[in-house]
Amino acid sequence: METTAAIETLALERLNVSAERLRAATTFEEAGIDSLAAIDLVFAIEAHFGILIEADDLLGVHSLGDLIAVVDARVNGGAPA
């Protein structure tokens, strides 16, 4: 859960959207987040957690919940499913 809270905080700081618009199941598109903003968030997450998120890991990421799952896997030493 610590990973989720950190990512939600980073997302709110970086993406300039309200918490109401940015829920785990909401797609980035539905929240009005463009690809450049999403990549900026990924860079911030990598720096925060000291991890590298591969481009292939992001292919199935369409929502904050998807991104949290990828980061959880990386933080816990595995590859995303």
N, C-alpha and C. Protein backbone atom coordinates (compact mmCIF):
# COMPACT_ATOMS: atom_id res chain seq x y z
N MET A 1 0.82 -1.20 0.00
CA MET A 1 0.00 0.00 0.00
C MET A 1 0.86 1.26 0.00
N GLU A 2 2.07 1.16 0.54
CA GLU A 2 2.97 2.31 0.56
C GLU A 2 3.30 2.77 -0.87
N THR A 3 3.48 1.82 -1.76
CA THR A 3 3.76 2.13 -3.16
C THR A 3 2.59 2.89 -3.77
N THR A 4 1.39 2.43 -3.51
CA THR A 4 0.20 3.08 -4.06
C THR A 4 0.09 4.52 -3.60
N ALA A 5 0.27 4.76 -2.31
CA ALA A 5 0.16 6.12 -1.77
C ALA A 5 1.21 7.04 -2.39
N ALA A 6 2.44 6.54 -2.53
CA ALA A 6 3.51 7.36 -3.11
C ALA A 6 3.21 7.70 -4.57
N ILE A 7 2.73 6.73 -5.32
CA ILE A 7 2.42 6.97 -6.73
C ILE A 7 1.25 7.93 -6.87
N GLU A 8 0.24 7.77 -6.05
CA GLU A 8 -0.91 8.69 -6.09
C GLU A 8 -0.46 10.11 -5.79
N THR A 9 0.42 10.28 -4.81
CA THR A 9 0.94 11.62 -4.47
C THR A 9 1.73 12.20 -5.63
N LEU A 10 2.62 11.41 -6.20
CA LEU A 10 3.40 11.87 -7.36
C LEU A 10 2.49 12.23 -8.52
N ALA A 11 1.48 11.41 -8.75
CA ALA A 11 0.55 11.67 -9.86
C ALA A 11 -0.19 12.98 -9.67
N LEU A 12 -0.67 13.21 -8.47
CA LEU A 12 -1.40 14.45 -8.21
C LEU A 12 -0.49 15.67 -8.36
N GLU A 13 0.77 15.53 -7.95
CA GLU A 13 1.73 16.63 -8.08
C GLU A 13 2.10 16.89 -9.53
N ARG A 14 2.29 15.84 -10.32
CA ARG A 14 2.82 15.97 -11.68
C ARG A 14 1.77 16.19 -12.75
N LEU A 15 0.58 15.64 -12.55
CA LEU A 15 -0.39 15.59 -13.64
C LEU A 15 -1.41 16.72 -13.65
N ASN A 16 -1.44 17.49 -12.59
CA ASN A 16 -2.35 18.63 -12.54
C ASN A 16 -3.81 18.24 -12.76
N VAL A 17 -4.21 17.16 -12.10
CA VAL A 17 -5.61 16.73 -12.10
C VAL A 17 -6.04 16.52 -10.66
N SER A 18 -7.33 16.61 -10.44
CA SER A 18 -7.86 16.44 -9.09
C SER A 18 -7.90 14.96 -8.72
N ALA A 19 -7.91 14.71 -7.44
CA ALA A 19 -8.00 13.33 -6.95
C ALA A 19 -9.28 12.67 -7.42
N GLU A 20 -10.33 13.45 -7.57
CA GLU A 20 -11.61 12.91 -8.03
C GLU A 20 -11.52 12.39 -9.46
N ARG A 21 -10.70 13.04 -10.28
CA ARG A 21 -10.56 12.63 -11.68
C ARG A 21 -9.54 11.52 -11.86
N LEU A 22 -8.68 11.33 -10.86
CA LEU A 22 -7.60 10.35 -11.01
C LEU A 22 -7.81 9.20 -10.03
N ARG A 23 -8.54 8.22 -10.47
CA ARG A 23 -8.78 7.02 -9.68
C ARG A 23 -8.05 5.86 -10.36
N ALA A 24 -7.81 4.80 -9.61
CA ALA A 24 -7.03 3.68 -10.13
C ALA A 24 -7.61 3.10 -11.42
N ALA A 25 -8.92 3.03 -11.53
CA ALA A 25 -9.55 2.42 -12.70
C ALA A 25 -9.77 3.39 -13.86
N THR A 26 -9.61 4.67 -13.63
CA THR A 26 -9.81 5.66 -14.67
C THR A 26 -8.63 5.63 -15.63
N THR A 27 -8.89 5.55 -16.91
CA THR A 27 -7.79 5.56 -17.87
C THR A 27 -7.17 6.96 -17.91
N PHE A 28 -5.93 7.01 -18.32
CA PHE A 28 -5.27 8.31 -18.45
C PHE A 28 -6.03 9.18 -19.45
N GLU A 29 -6.53 8.58 -20.50
CA GLU A 29 -7.30 9.32 -21.50
C GLU A 29 -8.56 9.93 -20.89
N GLU A 30 -9.29 9.14 -20.10
CA GLU A 30 -10.50 9.65 -19.45
C GLU A 30 -10.20 10.79 -18.49
N ALA A 31 -9.01 10.76 -17.88
CA ALA A 31 -8.61 11.81 -16.94
C ALA A 31 -8.02 13.02 -17.65
N GLY A 32 -7.87 12.93 -18.99
CA GLY A 32 -7.33 14.04 -19.75
C GLY A 32 -5.82 14.15 -19.68
N ILE A 33 -5.15 13.04 -19.42
CA ILE A 33 -3.69 13.03 -19.29
C ILE A 33 -3.08 12.58 -20.61
N ASP A 34 -2.21 13.42 -21.18
CA ASP A 34 -1.60 13.05 -22.44
C ASP A 34 -0.34 12.21 -22.21
N SER A 35 0.21 11.69 -23.29
CA SER A 35 1.33 10.76 -23.19
C SER A 35 2.58 11.43 -22.61
N LEU A 36 2.81 12.69 -22.91
CA LEU A 36 4.00 13.37 -22.36
C LEU A 36 3.89 13.53 -20.85
N ALA A 37 2.71 13.84 -20.37
CA ALA A 37 2.51 13.96 -18.92
C ALA A 37 2.67 12.60 -18.26
N ALA A 38 2.18 11.55 -18.90
CA ALA A 38 2.31 10.20 -18.34
C ALA A 38 3.78 9.79 -18.27
N ILE A 39 4.57 10.12 -19.29
CA ILE A 39 6.00 9.80 -19.28
C ILE A 39 6.71 10.60 -18.19
N ASP A 40 6.35 11.85 -18.01
CA ASP A 40 6.91 12.65 -16.93
C ASP A 40 6.65 11.98 -15.58
N LEU A 41 5.45 11.44 -15.41
CA LEU A 41 5.11 10.74 -14.18
C LEU A 41 5.98 9.49 -14.02
N VAL A 42 6.18 8.75 -15.09
CA VAL A 42 7.02 7.56 -15.03
C VAL A 42 8.44 7.93 -14.61
N PHE A 43 8.99 9.00 -15.16
CA PHE A 43 10.34 9.44 -14.77
C PHE A 43 10.39 9.79 -13.28
N ALA A 44 9.36 10.47 -12.80
CA ALA A 44 9.31 10.84 -11.37
C ALA A 44 9.22 9.59 -10.50
N ILE A 45 8.45 8.61 -10.94
CA ILE A 45 8.33 7.36 -10.19
C ILE A 45 9.65 6.62 -10.16
N GLU A 46 10.32 6.55 -11.31
CA GLU A 46 11.64 5.89 -11.36
C GLU A 46 12.61 6.55 -10.39
N ALA A 47 12.64 7.86 -10.37
CA ALA A 47 13.55 8.58 -9.48
C ALA A 47 13.17 8.35 -8.01
N HIS A 48 11.89 8.38 -7.72
CA HIS A 48 11.43 8.22 -6.35
C HIS A 48 11.78 6.83 -5.79
N PHE A 49 11.56 5.80 -6.58
CA PHE A 49 11.76 4.43 -6.11
C PHE A 49 13.14 3.86 -6.46
N GLY A 50 13.91 4.58 -7.29
CA GLY A 50 15.22 4.08 -7.69
C GLY A 50 15.12 2.83 -8.55
N ILE A 51 14.15 2.82 -9.44
CA ILE A 51 13.94 1.67 -10.33
C ILE A 51 13.97 2.12 -11.78
N LEU A 52 14.05 1.15 -12.67
CA LEU A 52 13.95 1.42 -14.10
C LEU A 52 12.71 0.71 -14.62
N ILE A 53 11.85 1.43 -15.25
CA ILE A 53 10.65 0.85 -15.86
C ILE A 53 10.91 0.78 -17.35
N GLU A 54 10.93 -0.43 -17.87
CA GLU A 54 11.21 -0.65 -19.29
C GLU A 54 10.01 -0.20 -20.13
N ALA A 55 10.29 0.22 -21.34
CA ALA A 55 9.22 0.64 -22.25
C ALA A 55 8.21 -0.49 -22.47
N ASP A 56 8.69 -1.73 -22.56
CA ASP A 56 7.80 -2.87 -22.75
C ASP A 56 6.83 -3.03 -21.59
N ASP A 57 7.27 -2.64 -20.38
CA ASP A 57 6.41 -2.73 -19.20
C ASP A 57 5.19 -1.81 -19.32
N LEU A 58 5.34 -0.76 -20.11
CA LEU A 58 4.30 0.27 -20.20
C LEU A 58 3.28 0.01 -21.31
N LEU A 59 3.51 -1.02 -22.11
CA LEU A 59 2.63 -1.27 -23.25
C LEU A 59 1.18 -1.52 -22.83
N GLY A 60 0.96 -2.18 -21.73
CA GLY A 60 -0.40 -2.46 -21.29
C GLY A 60 -0.92 -1.50 -20.24
N VAL A 61 -0.20 -0.41 -20.01
CA VAL A 61 -0.59 0.54 -18.98
C VAL A 61 -1.53 1.58 -19.57
N HIS A 62 -2.75 1.59 -19.04
CA HIS A 62 -3.75 2.55 -19.52
C HIS A 62 -4.36 3.37 -18.39
N SER A 63 -4.03 2.99 -17.15
CA SER A 63 -4.63 3.66 -15.99
C SER A 63 -3.60 3.75 -14.87
N LEU A 64 -3.93 4.53 -13.87
CA LEU A 64 -3.05 4.63 -12.71
C LEU A 64 -2.92 3.27 -12.03
N GLY A 65 -4.00 2.52 -11.97
CA GLY A 65 -3.96 1.19 -11.38
C GLY A 65 -3.00 0.26 -12.11
N ASP A 66 -3.00 0.33 -13.44
CA ASP A 66 -2.05 -0.46 -14.25
C ASP A 66 -0.62 -0.07 -13.91
N LEU A 67 -0.37 1.24 -13.82
CA LEU A 67 0.97 1.73 -13.52
C LEU A 67 1.41 1.30 -12.12
N ILE A 68 0.51 1.35 -11.17
CA ILE A 68 0.82 0.92 -9.81
C ILE A 68 1.22 -0.56 -9.81
N ALA A 69 0.54 -1.39 -10.57
CA ALA A 69 0.87 -2.81 -10.64
C ALA A 69 2.28 -3.03 -11.20
N VAL A 70 2.65 -2.27 -12.23
CA VAL A 70 3.99 -2.36 -12.81
C VAL A 70 5.04 -1.96 -11.78
N VAL A 71 4.81 -0.85 -11.11
CA VAL A 71 5.78 -0.36 -10.14
C VAL A 71 5.88 -1.33 -8.96
N ASP A 72 4.76 -1.84 -8.48
CA ASP A 72 4.79 -2.83 -7.40
C ASP A 72 5.68 -4.02 -7.76
N ALA A 73 5.54 -4.50 -8.98
CA ALA A 73 6.35 -5.63 -9.42
C ALA A 73 7.83 -5.27 -9.43
N ARG A 74 8.17 -4.10 -9.93
CA ARG A 74 9.57 -3.66 -10.00
C ARG A 74 10.14 -3.44 -8.59
N VAL A 75 9.38 -2.80 -7.75
CA VAL A 75 9.85 -2.51 -6.38
C VAL A 75 10.08 -3.81 -5.61
N ASN A 76 9.27 -4.81 -5.89
CA ASN A 76 9.39 -6.09 -5.19
C ASN A 76 10.33 -7.05 -5.89
N GLY A 77 11.11 -6.54 -6.85
CA GLY A 77 12.15 -7.32 -7.48
C GLY A 77 11.74 -8.20 -8.64
N GLY A 78 10.53 -8.08 -9.08
CA GLY A 78 10.09 -8.93 -10.19
C GLY A 78 9.81 -8.14 -11.43
N ALA A 79 9.42 -8.86 -12.44
CA ALA A 79 8.99 -8.23 -13.68
C ALA A 79 7.47 -8.16 -13.66
N PRO A 80 6.92 -7.12 -14.23
CA PRO A 80 5.46 -6.99 -14.30
C PRO A 80 4.84 -8.18 -15.02
N ALA A 81 3.64 -8.53 -14.62
CA ALA A 81 2.93 -9.66 -15.25
C ALA A 81 2.37 -9.28 -16.58
